[in-house]
């Protein structure tokens, strides 16, 4: 009888301790904002232009097609891919005019799609990223990084 009681108790504990991540309450999840990043490289030195020239938020202006200011920030992180890049949130008005002190103005445009990940937070993918600028550039669709060579 004692063995049966112990087994029954262990069974109850085992059942009550099981939990499933399939039942996450999405109302309690905070999703990270989707962004793209601008990395500016000095063509002569190969160094980060933002770092070399002490560029801060005060030296940058970003506006949409309706001439409204768009929130951005200069990233400070130990991750070399993103350190001293300019982070810009993805918007429905997906055309930006970017002015950085001592550089020519940049015009960006892109389209986005939502990739259903069956999770609380959508995965927004950038497509057809284009830049109007006199500088050479590349766009890394995996990291969402626009690299401009000035």
Protein backbone atom coordinates (compact mmCIF):
# COMPACT_ATOMS: atom_id res chain seq x y z
CA UNK A 1 0.00 0.00 0.00
CA UNK A 2 2.83 2.37 0.83
CA UNK A 3 4.45 1.74 -2.60
CA UNK A 4 1.17 2.51 -4.29
CA UNK A 5 0.83 5.78 -2.36
CA UNK A 6 4.40 6.80 -3.29
CA UNK A 7 3.81 5.97 -6.98
CA UNK A 8 0.53 7.87 -6.97
CA UNK A 9 2.21 10.92 -5.38
CA UNK A 10 5.06 10.83 -7.91
CA UNK A 11 2.55 10.55 -10.75
CA UNK A 12 0.61 13.59 -9.51
CA UNK A 13 3.82 15.63 -9.11
CA UNK A 14 5.01 14.60 -12.57
CA UNK A 15 1.74 15.61 -14.21
CA UNK A 16 1.52 18.93 -12.38
CA UNK A 17 5.12 19.88 -13.25
CA UNK A 18 4.70 19.40 -16.97
CA UNK A 19 4.20 22.62 -18.85
CA UNK A 20 3.97 23.38 -22.51
CA UNK A 21 5.45 26.37 -24.30
CA UNK A 22 2.64 25.99 -26.83
CA UNK A 23 0.34 27.93 -24.51
CA UNK A 24 2.30 31.19 -24.25
CA UNK A 25 0.13 34.21 -23.55
CA UNK A 26 1.16 36.58 -26.37
CA UNK A 27 -0.32 39.52 -24.46
CA UNK A 28 2.60 39.21 -22.02
CA UNK A 29 5.29 39.07 -24.73
CA UNK A 30 7.20 42.21 -25.71
CA UNK A 31 8.31 42.03 -29.33
CA UNK A 32 11.52 43.65 -30.49
CA UNK A 33 10.97 46.38 -33.06
CA UNK A 34 12.11 45.52 -36.56
CA UNK A 35 14.88 47.77 -37.84
CA UNK A 36 17.53 48.16 -40.45
CA UNK A 37 20.99 49.51 -39.79
CA UNK A 38 23.33 51.83 -41.65
CA UNK A 39 27.05 51.19 -41.37
CA UNK A 40 29.24 53.87 -42.92
CA UNK A 41 32.77 52.87 -43.90
CA UNK A 42 35.53 55.31 -44.85
CA UNK A 43 36.73 54.00 -48.24
CA UNK A 44 40.28 55.24 -47.69
CA UNK A 45 40.88 53.84 -44.19
CA UNK A 46 38.33 51.00 -44.02
CA UNK A 47 37.29 52.30 -40.59
CA UNK A 48 33.82 53.07 -39.31
CA UNK A 49 33.00 56.66 -40.33
CA UNK A 50 30.70 57.20 -37.33
CA UNK A 51 33.50 56.23 -34.93
CA UNK A 52 36.23 58.18 -36.76
CA UNK A 53 34.20 61.39 -36.90
CA UNK A 54 32.43 61.17 -33.53
CA UNK A 55 29.02 61.19 -35.22
CA UNK A 56 26.13 61.31 -32.73
CA UNK A 57 22.35 61.55 -33.04
CA UNK A 58 22.80 65.35 -33.17
CA UNK A 59 24.68 65.06 -36.48
CA UNK A 60 21.97 63.01 -38.22
CA UNK A 61 18.51 63.85 -39.56
CA UNK A 62 16.10 61.23 -40.88
CA UNK A 63 12.69 62.12 -42.33
CA UNK A 64 9.95 60.28 -44.19
CA UNK A 65 8.30 61.37 -47.44
CA UNK A 66 5.91 63.57 -45.47
CA UNK A 67 8.90 65.46 -44.00
CA UNK A 68 8.26 64.02 -40.52
CA UNK A 69 11.21 63.13 -38.30
CA UNK A 70 11.82 59.40 -37.83
CA UNK A 71 13.21 57.98 -34.60
CA UNK A 72 16.69 56.47 -34.87
CA UNK A 73 19.74 55.98 -32.69
CA UNK A 74 23.44 55.23 -32.99
CA UNK A 75 24.02 51.69 -31.72
CA UNK A 76 26.66 51.13 -29.06
CA UNK A 77 27.35 47.42 -28.60
CA UNK A 78 30.20 44.93 -28.42
CA UNK A 79 28.80 43.20 -31.54
CA UNK A 80 31.11 44.40 -34.33
CA UNK A 81 28.42 43.93 -37.00
CA UNK A 82 26.21 46.55 -35.35
CA UNK A 83 28.53 48.77 -33.28
CA UNK A 84 28.31 52.43 -34.31
CA UNK A 85 25.63 51.75 -36.90
CA UNK A 86 22.51 53.86 -37.22
CA UNK A 87 19.36 51.92 -36.29
CA UNK A 88 16.17 52.93 -38.09
CA UNK A 89 12.83 51.26 -37.39
CA UNK A 90 10.86 49.82 -40.30
CA UNK A 91 7.83 51.94 -41.20
CA UNK A 92 4.78 51.71 -43.41
CA UNK A 93 6.02 54.85 -45.15
CA UNK A 94 9.15 53.02 -46.22
CA UNK A 95 11.06 55.86 -47.86
CA UNK A 96 13.56 57.83 -45.83
CA UNK A 97 15.73 60.84 -46.46
CA UNK A 98 18.92 60.59 -44.41
CA UNK A 99 21.26 63.50 -43.81
CA UNK A 100 24.54 62.93 -41.99
CA UNK A 101 26.89 65.82 -41.25
CA UNK A 102 29.57 66.28 -43.96
CA UNK A 103 28.05 63.62 -46.25
CA UNK A 104 25.68 63.82 -49.21
CA UNK A 105 22.02 63.05 -48.54
CA UNK A 106 20.82 59.44 -48.93
CA UNK A 107 17.37 58.34 -50.05
CA UNK A 108 16.29 54.82 -49.10
CA UNK A 109 13.25 52.78 -50.09
CA UNK A 110 12.22 49.20 -49.43
CA UNK A 111 9.27 46.87 -49.20
CA UNK A 112 8.52 44.44 -46.40
CA UNK A 113 6.76 41.13 -45.97
CA UNK A 114 5.71 39.37 -42.80
CA UNK A 115 7.02 35.84 -42.42
CA UNK A 116 4.62 33.82 -40.25
CA UNK A 117 6.73 32.18 -37.57
CA UNK A 118 3.81 30.78 -35.55
CA UNK A 119 5.06 32.80 -32.61
CA UNK A 120 3.82 35.89 -30.83
CA UNK A 121 6.19 38.21 -32.67
CA UNK A 122 6.13 38.50 -36.46
CA UNK A 123 9.30 38.21 -38.49
CA UNK A 124 9.40 41.20 -40.85
CA UNK A 125 11.60 40.72 -43.90
CA UNK A 126 13.00 43.54 -46.02
CA UNK A 127 12.75 43.15 -49.78
CA UNK A 128 13.83 45.33 -52.69
CA UNK A 129 16.06 47.66 -50.67
CA UNK A 130 17.25 50.57 -52.82
CA UNK A 131 19.40 53.62 -52.15
CA UNK A 132 19.79 56.82 -54.13
CA UNK A 133 23.28 58.07 -53.38
CA UNK A 134 26.57 58.95 -55.00
CA UNK A 135 28.33 56.41 -52.76
CA UNK A 136 28.87 52.70 -53.34
CA UNK A 137 26.80 50.51 -51.04
CA UNK A 138 25.71 46.95 -50.27
CA UNK A 139 22.70 45.65 -48.37
CA UNK A 140 22.89 42.47 -46.28
CA UNK A 141 19.35 41.03 -46.21
CA UNK A 142 20.24 38.54 -43.49
CA UNK A 143 21.52 41.16 -41.02
CA UNK A 144 19.46 44.12 -42.35
CA UNK A 145 22.63 46.19 -42.67
CA UNK A 146 23.12 48.85 -45.34
CA UNK A 147 26.87 49.44 -45.70
CA UNK A 148 27.83 52.70 -47.40
CA UNK A 149 31.39 53.37 -48.55
CA UNK A 150 32.22 57.10 -48.41
